[in-house]
C-alpha atoms as a PDB file:
ATOM      1  CA  UNK A   1     -30.830 -44.810  -7.055  1.00  0.00           C
ATOM      2  CA  UNK A   2     -32.205 -43.170 -10.320  1.00  0.00           C
ATOM      3  CA  UNK A   3     -32.905 -39.856  -8.735  1.00  0.00           C
ATOM      4  CA  UNK A   4     -28.931 -40.225  -7.536  1.00  0.00           C
ATOM      5  CA  UNK A   5     -27.675 -40.854 -10.761  1.00  0.00           C
ATOM      6  CA  UNK A   6     -30.072 -38.006 -12.042  1.00  0.00           C
ATOM      7  CA  UNK A   7     -28.583 -35.251  -9.562  1.00  0.00           C
ATOM      8  CA  UNK A   8     -24.915 -36.882 -10.879  1.00  0.00           C
ATOM      9  CA  UNK A   9     -25.609 -36.033 -14.265  1.00  0.00           C
ATOM     10  CA  UNK A  10     -26.732 -32.830 -13.461  1.00  0.00           C
ATOM     11  CA  UNK A  11     -23.357 -32.154 -11.617  1.00  0.00           C
ATOM     12  CA  UNK A  12     -21.477 -33.374 -13.942  1.00  0.00           C
ATOM     13  CA  UNK A  13     -23.065 -31.529 -16.811  1.00  0.00           C
ATOM     14  CA  UNK A  14     -22.615 -27.813 -14.566  1.00  0.00           C
ATOM     15  CA  UNK A  15     -19.151 -28.558 -14.097  1.00  0.00           C
ATOM     16  CA  UNK A  16     -18.784 -28.848 -17.826  1.00  0.00           C
ATOM     17  CA  UNK A  17     -20.391 -25.494 -18.581  1.00  0.00           C
ATOM     18  CA  UNK A  18     -18.990 -23.953 -15.731  1.00  0.00           C
ATOM     19  CA  UNK A  19     -15.610 -24.908 -16.960  1.00  0.00           C
ATOM     20  CA  UNK A  20     -16.236 -23.718 -20.331  1.00  0.00           C
ATOM     21  CA  UNK A  21     -17.514 -19.931 -18.967  1.00  0.00           C
ATOM     22  CA  UNK A  22     -13.906 -19.718 -16.934  1.00  0.00           C
ATOM     23  CA  UNK A  23     -11.880 -21.070 -20.393  1.00  0.00           C
ATOM     24  CA  UNK A  24     -13.634 -18.800 -22.170  1.00  0.00           C
ATOM     25  CA  UNK A  25     -13.026 -15.582 -19.742  1.00  0.00           C
ATOM     26  CA  UNK A  26      -9.490 -14.908 -21.211  1.00  0.00           C
ATOM     27  CA  UNK A  27     -11.513 -13.749 -24.077  1.00  0.00           C
ATOM     28  CA  UNK A  28     -13.853 -11.886 -22.085  1.00  0.00           C
ATOM     29  CA  UNK A  29     -14.595  -7.734 -22.297  1.00  0.00           C
ATOM     30  CA  UNK A  30     -14.956  -5.141 -19.560  1.00  0.00           C
ATOM     31  CA  UNK A  31     -16.880  -2.480 -20.099  1.00  0.00           C
ATOM     32  CA  UNK A  32     -15.812   1.020 -19.063  1.00  0.00           C
ATOM     33  CA  UNK A  33     -14.786   4.490 -19.990  1.00  0.00           C
ATOM     34  CA  UNK A  34     -11.448   6.158 -22.249  1.00  0.00           C
ATOM     35  CA  UNK A  35     -10.546   9.578 -23.117  1.00  0.00           C
ATOM     36  CA  UNK A  36      -7.337  10.861 -24.856  1.00  0.00           C
ATOM     37  CA  UNK A  37      -4.855  13.410 -24.433  1.00  0.00           C
ATOM     38  CA  UNK A  38      -3.025  15.299 -27.375  1.00  0.00           C
ATOM     39  CA  UNK A  39      -4.185  17.615 -29.979  1.00  0.00           C
ATOM     40  CA  UNK A  40      -3.909  15.993 -33.087  1.00  0.00           C
ATOM     41  CA  UNK A  41      -4.294  12.273 -34.259  1.00  0.00           C
ATOM     42  CA  UNK A  42       0.170  12.449 -35.159  1.00  0.00           C
ATOM     43  CA  UNK A  43       0.362  12.828 -31.141  1.00  0.00           C
ATOM     44  CA  UNK A  44       1.990   9.601 -30.032  1.00  0.00           C
ATOM     45  CA  UNK A  45       2.831   8.748 -26.152  1.00  0.00           C
ATOM     46  CA  UNK A  46       4.035  10.979 -23.388  1.00  0.00           C
ATOM     47  CA  UNK A  47       7.991  10.637 -22.926  1.00  0.00           C
ATOM     48  CA  UNK A  48       7.433  11.512 -19.112  1.00  0.00           C
ATOM     49  CA  UNK A  49       4.858   8.773 -18.360  1.00  0.00           C
ATOM     50  CA  UNK A  50       4.857   7.477 -15.096  1.00  0.00           C
ATOM     51  CA  UNK A  51       6.550   4.193 -15.990  1.00  0.00           C
ATOM     52  CA  UNK A  52       9.863   5.427 -16.534  1.00  0.00           C
ATOM     53  CA  UNK A  53      10.094   4.339 -20.456  1.00  0.00           C
ATOM     54  CA  UNK A  54      11.016   7.824 -21.718  1.00  0.00           C
ATOM     55  CA  UNK A  55      11.361   8.423 -25.590  1.00  0.00           C
ATOM     56  CA  UNK A  56      10.844   4.213 -25.734  1.00  0.00           C
ATOM     57  CA  UNK A  57       7.276   4.461 -24.668  1.00  0.00           C
ATOM     58  CA  UNK A  58       6.389   7.755 -26.836  1.00  0.00           C
ATOM     59  CA  UNK A  59       6.991   5.578 -29.596  1.00  0.00           C
ATOM     60  CA  UNK A  60       6.386   2.049 -28.714  1.00  0.00           C
ATOM     61  CA  UNK A  61       3.651   0.081 -30.268  1.00  0.00           C
ATOM     62  CA  UNK A  62       3.691   2.664 -32.792  1.00  0.00           C
ATOM     63  CA  UNK A  63       2.213   5.344 -30.691  1.00  0.00           C
ATOM     64  CA  UNK A  64      -0.606   3.066 -29.975  1.00  0.00           C
ATOM     65  CA  UNK A  65      -0.296   3.910 -26.052  1.00  0.00           C
ATOM     66  CA  UNK A  66      -2.410   4.669 -23.314  1.00  0.00           C
ATOM     67  CA  UNK A  67      -2.583   5.921 -19.324  1.00  0.00           C
ATOM     68  CA  UNK A  68      -4.346   3.745 -17.244  1.00  0.00           C
ATOM     69  CA  UNK A  69      -6.009   3.878 -13.680  1.00  0.00           C
ATOM     70  CA  UNK A  70      -6.553   1.198 -11.546  1.00  0.00           C
ATOM     71  CA  UNK A  71      -4.999  -1.158 -14.202  1.00  0.00           C
ATOM     72  CA  UNK A  72      -1.458   0.682 -13.231  1.00  0.00           C
ATOM     73  CA  UNK A  73      -1.197  -1.547 -10.304  1.00  0.00           C
ATOM     74  CA  UNK A  74       1.526   0.028  -8.511  1.00  0.00           C
ATOM     75  CA  UNK A  75       3.707   0.431 -11.932  1.00  0.00           C
ATOM     76  CA  UNK A  76       3.201  -3.617 -12.271  1.00  0.00           C
ATOM     77  CA  UNK A  77       0.874  -3.066 -15.074  1.00  0.00           C
ATOM     78  CA  UNK A  78       3.434  -1.035 -16.980  1.00  0.00           C
ATOM     79  CA  UNK A  79       3.767  -2.641 -20.593  1.00  0.00           C
ATOM     80  CA  UNK A  80       0.593  -4.867 -20.147  1.00  0.00           C
ATOM     81  CA  UNK A  81      -0.883  -4.768 -24.121  1.00  0.00           C
ATOM     82  CA  UNK A  82      -5.027  -4.719 -24.379  1.00  0.00           C
ATOM     83  CA  UNK A  83      -7.542  -4.954 -27.167  1.00  0.00           C
ATOM     84  CA  UNK A  84      -9.747  -1.486 -26.793  1.00  0.00           C
ATOM     85  CA  UNK A  85     -13.037  -0.643 -28.902  1.00  0.00           C
ATOM     86  CA  UNK A  86     -15.698   1.881 -28.150  1.00  0.00           C
ATOM     87  CA  UNK A  87     -18.974  -0.359 -27.428  1.00  0.00           C
ATOM     88  CA  UNK A  88     -21.272   1.351 -30.102  1.00  0.00           C
ATOM     89  CA  UNK A  89     -21.653  -1.105 -32.753  1.00  0.00           C
ATOM     90  CA  UNK A  90     -22.100   1.147 -36.167  1.00  0.00           C
ATOM     91  CA  UNK A  91     -19.935   3.745 -35.481  1.00  0.00           C
ATOM     92  CA  UNK A  92     -17.216   1.508 -34.233  1.00  0.00           C
ATOM     93  CA  UNK A  93     -14.070  -0.557 -35.673  1.00  0.00           C
ATOM     94  CA  UNK A  94     -15.045  -3.882 -35.175  1.00  0.00           C
ATOM     95  CA  UNK A  95     -11.336  -4.855 -34.041  1.00  0.00           C
ATOM     96  CA  UNK A  96     -10.174  -1.186 -32.025  1.00  0.00           C
ATOM     97  CA  UNK A  97      -6.697  -1.020 -31.225  1.00  0.00           C
ATOM     98  CA  UNK A  98      -4.266  -2.410 -29.487  1.00  0.00           C
ATOM     99  CA  UNK A  99      -2.757  -0.247 -26.751  1.00  0.00           C
ATOM    100  CA  UNK A 100       0.194  -0.754 -24.350  1.00  0.00           C
ATOM    101  CA  UNK A 101       0.596   0.940 -21.026  1.00  0.00           C
ATOM    102  CA  UNK A 102       3.216   3.338 -20.647  1.00  0.00           C
ATOM    103  CA  UNK A 103       1.596   5.893 -18.225  1.00  0.00           C
ATOM    104  CA  UNK A 104      -0.672   6.664 -15.311  1.00  0.00           C
ATOM    105  CA  UNK A 105      -3.603   8.799 -15.299  1.00  0.00           C
ATOM    106  CA  UNK A 106      -7.711   8.625 -14.623  1.00  0.00           C
ATOM    107  CA  UNK A 107     -10.529  10.823 -13.903  1.00  0.00           C
ATOM    108  CA  UNK A 108     -13.956  11.114 -15.101  1.00  0.00           C
ATOM    109  CA  UNK A 109     -14.825   7.230 -14.316  1.00  0.00           C
ATOM    110  CA  UNK A 110     -12.190   6.636 -17.144  1.00  0.00           C
ATOM    111  CA  UNK A 111      -9.587   3.372 -17.053  1.00  0.00           C
ATOM    112  CA  UNK A 112      -7.787   4.494 -19.992  1.00  0.00           C
ATOM    113  CA  UNK A 113      -6.568   7.812 -21.485  1.00  0.00           C
ATOM    114  CA  UNK A 114      -5.159   7.130 -24.296  1.00  0.00           C
ATOM    115  CA  UNK A 115      -2.897   8.824 -26.710  1.00  0.00           C
ATOM    116  CA  UNK A 116      -4.288  10.780 -29.723  1.00  0.00           C
ATOM    117  CA  UNK A 117      -2.955   8.530 -31.905  1.00  0.00           C
ATOM    118  CA  UNK A 118      -4.510   5.439 -30.318  1.00  0.00           C
ATOM    119  CA  UNK A 119      -8.163   6.780 -29.681  1.00  0.00           C
ATOM    120  CA  UNK A 120      -8.423   8.019 -33.488  1.00  0.00           C
ATOM    121  CA  UNK A 121      -8.272   4.402 -34.527  1.00  0.00           C
ATOM    122  CA  UNK A 122     -11.937   3.420 -32.845  1.00  0.00           C
ATOM    123  CA  UNK A 123     -13.925   5.142 -35.136  1.00  0.00           C
ATOM    124  CA  UNK A 124     -14.703   3.519 -38.768  1.00  0.00           C
ATOM    125  CA  UNK A 125     -13.932   6.507 -40.460  1.00  0.00           C
ATOM    126  CA  UNK A 126     -12.515   9.968 -39.727  1.00  0.00           C
ATOM    127  CA  UNK A 127     -16.008  11.489 -38.781  1.00  0.00           C
ATOM    128  CA  UNK A 128     -16.629   8.994 -36.369  1.00  0.00           C
ATOM    129  CA  UNK A 129     -13.390   9.946 -35.005  1.00  0.00           C
ATOM    130  CA  UNK A 130     -14.311  13.451 -34.886  1.00  0.00           C
ATOM    131  CA  UNK A 131     -17.214  12.388 -33.321  1.00  0.00           C
ATOM    132  CA  UNK A 132     -15.847  10.409 -30.193  1.00  0.00           C
ATOM    133  CA  UNK A 133     -13.228  13.612 -30.112  1.00  0.00           C
ATOM    134  CA  UNK A 134     -15.543  16.148 -29.831  1.00  0.00           C
ATOM    135  CA  UNK A 135     -17.246  13.861 -26.827  1.00  0.00           C
ATOM    136  CA  UNK A 136     -14.408  13.640 -25.017  1.00  0.00           C
ATOM    137  CA  UNK A 137     -14.780  10.386 -22.873  1.00  0.00           C
ATOM    138  CA  UNK A 138     -16.336   7.522 -24.478  1.00  0.00           C
ATOM    139  CA  UNK A 139     -17.568   3.853 -23.177  1.00  0.00           C
ATOM    140  CA  UNK A 140     -15.590   1.169 -24.368  1.00  0.00           C
ATOM    141  CA  UNK A 141     -15.058  -2.337 -23.741  1.00  0.00           C
ATOM    142  CA  UNK A 142     -11.485  -3.655 -23.239  1.00  0.00           C
ATOM    143  CA  UNK A 143      -9.673  -6.727 -22.393  1.00  0.00           C
ATOM    144  CA  UNK A 144      -6.204  -7.612 -21.371  1.00  0.00           C
ATOM    145  CA  UNK A 145      -4.116  -9.483 -24.610  1.00  0.00           C
ATOM    146  CA  UNK A 146      -0.747 -10.905 -25.127  1.00  0.00           C
ATOM    147  CA  UNK A 147       1.886  -8.342 -25.811  1.00  0.00           C
ATOM    148  CA  UNK A 148       3.667  -9.495 -28.915  1.00  0.00           C
ATOM    149  CA  UNK A 149       6.968  -8.437 -30.625  1.00  0.00           C
ATOM    150  CA  UNK A 150       8.159 -10.759 -33.230  1.00  0.00           C
ATOM    151  CA  UNK A 151      11.783 -12.216 -33.084  1.00  0.00           C
ATOM    152  CA  UNK A 152      12.346  -9.359 -30.643  1.00  0.00           C
ATOM    153  CA  UNK A 153      14.249 -11.207 -26.888  1.00  0.00           C
ATOM    154  CA  UNK A 154      13.605  -8.868 -23.607  1.00  0.00           C
ATOM    155  CA  UNK A 155      16.012  -6.082 -23.259  1.00  0.00           C
ATOM    156  CA  UNK A 156      17.272  -4.506 -20.320  1.00  0.00           C
ATOM    157  CA  UNK A 157      17.749  -0.767 -20.141  1.00  0.00           C
ATOM    158  CA  UNK A 158      19.413   0.710 -17.839  1.00  0.00           C
ATOM    159  CA  UNK A 159      18.214   3.671 -16.829  1.00  0.00           C
ATOM    160  CA  UNK A 160      19.795   7.089 -17.089  1.00  0.00           C
ATOM    161  CA  UNK A 161      19.692   7.798 -13.273  1.00  0.00           C
ATOM    162  CA  UNK A 162      22.112   5.129 -12.468  1.00  0.00           C
ATOM    163  CA  UNK A 163      25.595   5.840 -11.186  1.00  0.00           C
ATOM    164  CA  UNK A 164      28.242   3.291 -11.741  1.00  0.00           C
ATOM    165  CA  UNK A 165      29.115   1.504  -9.584  1.00  0.00           C
ATOM    166  CA  UNK A 166      27.078   2.810  -6.803  1.00  0.00           C
ATOM    167  CA  UNK A 167      23.393   2.600  -7.854  1.00  0.00           C
ATOM    168  CA  UNK A 168      21.920   0.610 -10.381  1.00  0.00           C
ATOM    169  CA  UNK A 169      18.210   1.094 -11.736  1.00  0.00           C
ATOM    170  CA  UNK A 170      16.949  -0.406 -14.793  1.00  0.00           C
ATOM    171  CA  UNK A 171      13.539  -1.422 -16.847  1.00  0.00           C
ATOM    172  CA  UNK A 172      12.436  -4.122 -18.938  1.00  0.00           C
ATOM    173  CA  UNK A 173      11.844  -3.626 -22.888  1.00  0.00           C
ATOM    174  CA  UNK A 174       9.909  -5.889 -25.501  1.00  0.00           C
ATOM    175  CA  UNK A 175       8.016  -7.909 -22.480  1.00  0.00           C
ATOM    176  CA  UNK A 176       5.693 -10.367 -24.615  1.00  0.00           C
ATOM    177  CA  UNK A 177       2.796 -12.388 -23.205  1.00  0.00           C
ATOM    178  CA  UNK A 178       0.210 -11.276 -21.285  1.00  0.00           C
ATOM    179  CA  UNK A 179       1.656 -12.061 -17.734  1.00  0.00           C
ATOM    180  CA  UNK A 180       3.185  -9.030 -14.956  1.00  0.00           C
ATOM    181  CA  UNK A 181       6.971  -9.672 -13.616  1.00  0.00           C
ATOM    182  CA  UNK A 182       6.354  -9.506 -10.207  1.00  0.00           C
ATOM    183  CA  UNK A 183       9.506 -10.234  -8.618  1.00  0.00           C
ATOM    184  CA  UNK A 184      13.213  -9.528  -9.682  1.00  0.00           C
ATOM    185  CA  UNK A 185      16.744 -11.065  -8.309  1.00  0.00           C
ATOM    186  CA  UNK A 186      19.923  -9.331  -9.603  1.00  0.00           C
ATOM    187  CA  UNK A 187      22.920 -11.989  -8.856  1.00  0.00           C
ATOM    188  CA  UNK A 188      26.275 -11.731  -8.867  1.00  0.00           C
ATOM    189  CA  UNK A 189      27.285 -14.218 -11.430  1.00  0.00           C
ATOM    190  CA  UNK A 190      30.519 -15.892 -10.239  1.00  0.00           C
ATOM    191  CA  UNK A 191      29.152 -16.802  -6.361  1.00  0.00           C
ATOM    192  CA  UNK A 192      25.406 -16.925  -7.798  1.00  0.00           C
ATOM    193  CA  UNK A 193      24.908 -14.469  -4.635  1.00  0.00           C
ATOM    194  CA  UNK A 194      21.669 -12.633  -5.277  1.00  0.00           C
ATOM    195  CA  UNK A 195      19.700  -9.767  -4.353  1.00  0.00           C
ATOM    196  CA  UNK A 196      15.677  -9.221  -4.211  1.00  0.00           C
ATOM    197  CA  UNK A 197      15.201  -5.674  -5.972  1.00  0.00           C
ATOM    198  CA  UNK A 198      12.514  -3.184  -5.344  1.00  0.00           C
ATOM    199  CA  UNK A 199      10.357  -1.898  -7.865  1.00  0.00           C
ATOM    200  CA  UNK A 200      11.142   2.064  -7.599  1.00  0.00           C
ATOM    201  CA  UNK A 201       8.837   3.412  -9.626  1.00  0.00           C
ATOM    202  CA  UNK A 202       6.878   2.158 -12.768  1.00  0.00           C
ATOM    203  CA  UNK A 203       8.605  -0.191 -14.234  1.00  0.00           C
ATOM    204  CA  UNK A 204      12.266   0.874 -13.029  1.00  0.00           C
ATOM    205  CA  UNK A 205      13.603  -1.741 -10.825  1.00  0.00           C
ATOM    206  CA  UNK A 206      16.918  -0.566  -8.675  1.00  0.00           C
ATOM    207  CA  UNK A 207      19.562  -1.468  -6.074  1.00  0.00           C
ATOM    208  CA  UNK A 208      21.675   0.643  -3.967  1.00  0.00           C
ATOM    209  CA  UNK A 209      25.836  -1.032  -3.933  1.00  0.00           C
ATOM    210  CA  UNK A 210      24.562  -3.543  -6.942  1.00  0.00           C
ATOM    211  CA  UNK A 211      27.426  -6.556  -7.039  1.00  0.00           C
ATOM    212  CA  UNK A 212      30.457  -6.197  -8.986  1.00  0.00           C
ATOM    213  CA  UNK A 213      31.463  -8.127 -12.109  1.00  0.00           C
ATOM    214  CA  UNK A 214      29.072  -9.373 -14.689  1.00  0.00           C
ATOM    215  CA  UNK A 215      25.387  -9.984 -13.663  1.00  0.00           C
ATOM    216  CA  UNK A 216      22.805 -12.320 -14.185  1.00  0.00           C
ATOM    217  CA  UNK A 217      19.001 -11.314 -13.899  1.00  0.00           C
ATOM    218  CA  UNK A 218      16.424 -13.760 -12.416  1.00  0.00           C
ATOM    219  CA  UNK A 219      12.474 -12.598 -12.529  1.00  0.00           C
ATOM    220  CA  UNK A 220       9.577 -14.048 -11.783  1.00  0.00           C
ATOM    221  CA  UNK A 221       6.453 -13.995 -14.210  1.00  0.00           C
ATOM    222  CA  UNK A 222       3.151 -13.914 -13.360  1.00  0.00           C
ATOM    223  CA  UNK A 223      -0.484 -13.674 -14.150  1.00  0.00           C
ATOM    224  CA  UNK A 224      -2.765 -11.040 -12.523  1.00  0.00           C
ATOM    225  CA  UNK A 225      -4.027 -13.729 -10.216  1.00  0.00           C
ATOM    226  CA  UNK A 226      -0.990 -15.390  -8.750  1.00  0.00           C
ATOM    227  CA  UNK A 227      -2.170 -18.987 -10.649  1.00  0.00           C
ATOM    228  CA  UNK A 228       0.446 -19.391 -12.656  1.00  0.00           C
ATOM    229  CA  UNK A 229       4.037 -18.390 -12.499  1.00  0.00           C
ATOM    230  CA  UNK A 230       6.975 -19.072 -13.763  1.00  0.00           C
ATOM    231  CA  UNK A 231      10.597 -18.023 -13.107  1.00  0.00           C
ATOM    232  CA  UNK A 232      13.597 -16.831 -15.675  1.00  0.00           C
ATOM    233  CA  UNK A 233      16.886 -16.669 -15.670  1.00  0.00           C
ATOM    234  CA  UNK A 234      19.399 -14.379 -17.678  1.00  0.00           C
ATOM    235  CA  UNK A 235      22.923 -15.272 -17.149  1.00  0.00           C
ATOM    236  CA  UNK A 236      25.675 -12.600 -17.212  1.00  0.00           C
ATOM    237  CA  UNK A 237      23.125 -10.012 -18.825  1.00  0.00           C
ATOM    238  CA  UNK A 238      24.790  -6.780 -17.765  1.00  0.00           C
ATOM    239  CA  UNK A 239      28.012  -6.789 -18.250  1.00  0.00           C
ATOM    240  CA  UNK A 240      30.279  -5.725 -15.308  1.00  0.00           C
ATOM    241  CA  UNK A 241      31.152  -2.101 -17.200  1.00  0.00           C
ATOM    242  CA  UNK A 242      27.481  -1.341 -17.623  1.00  0.00           C
ATOM    243  CA  UNK A 243      27.025   1.759 -18.739  1.00  0.00           C
ATOM    244  CA  UNK A 244      23.629   4.139 -17.915  1.00  0.00           C
ATOM    245  CA  UNK A 245      21.446   4.299 -20.969  1.00  0.00           C
ATOM    246  CA  UNK A 246      22.959   1.045 -22.383  1.00  0.00           C
ATOM    247  CA  UNK A 247      20.963  -1.712 -23.761  1.00  0.00           C
ATOM    248  CA  UNK A 248      21.547  -5.151 -22.987  1.00  0.00           C
ATOM    249  CA  UNK A 249      19.724  -8.427 -24.608  1.00  0.00           C
ATOM    250  CA  UNK A 250      18.701 -11.188 -22.137  1.00  0.00           C
ATOM    251  CA  UNK A 251      18.228 -13.836 -24.555  1.00  0.00           C
ATOM    252  CA  UNK A 252      14.830 -14.221 -23.303  1.00  0.00           C
ATOM    253  CA  UNK A 253      11.447 -14.053 -25.407  1.00  0.00           C
ATOM    254  CA  UNK A 254       7.961 -13.870 -23.687  1.00  0.00           C
ATOM    255  CA  UNK A 255       4.868 -15.522 -25.003  1.00  0.00           C
ATOM    256  CA  UNK A 256       1.354 -16.922 -24.212  1.00  0.00           C
END
């Protein structure tokens, strides 16, 4: 009996340790490599980025943006936020820099191709940054973090390639939190008839022959492991006479 009790206590302790390890993993960093694009520290994001954000992506997060390779995930990773810091202790800024994914790219074993504006913030001072720039590619640590846009609802941007009323393409701006939008339905509000939308490219969702009238948007938010999911609905998010290039407020804020 004593041996059985001892075994049981060991199992309980092991479970507690495992639980603590898993709960802490959201704060764990992954080792990778990063490089940069742009000629000067003033160079911001790429307006032709694969996510489809255009000029919005160039200036998002003050220009601290990045292209990613494996983390792009077919466009689902667009808009995700990461804390990135270089691995060397002395020449590196302790907190590193927060970057937002706006593009896809890779090469040389890198997960991140950062704007020069973001890359310049990895070093403690100008000399350190210049050394990193001269190296071209450096070892970094990264982790996904929550995107925070204080007081800012998710906005729906009607893509300029849309053609009223026959073709509607749109993106989500200011997607807060640390989860992904993985399913989008566009619904005709009057009769609540919905169409499942496909992800056209990057962060762009589209529909051919969209329903008429004001449109509601219903979307599923999920963590990267697919374990925590939640549906959100924005009624009449897109007006009946929507306009290419317009920006519409969903009234929804995503947080963790």
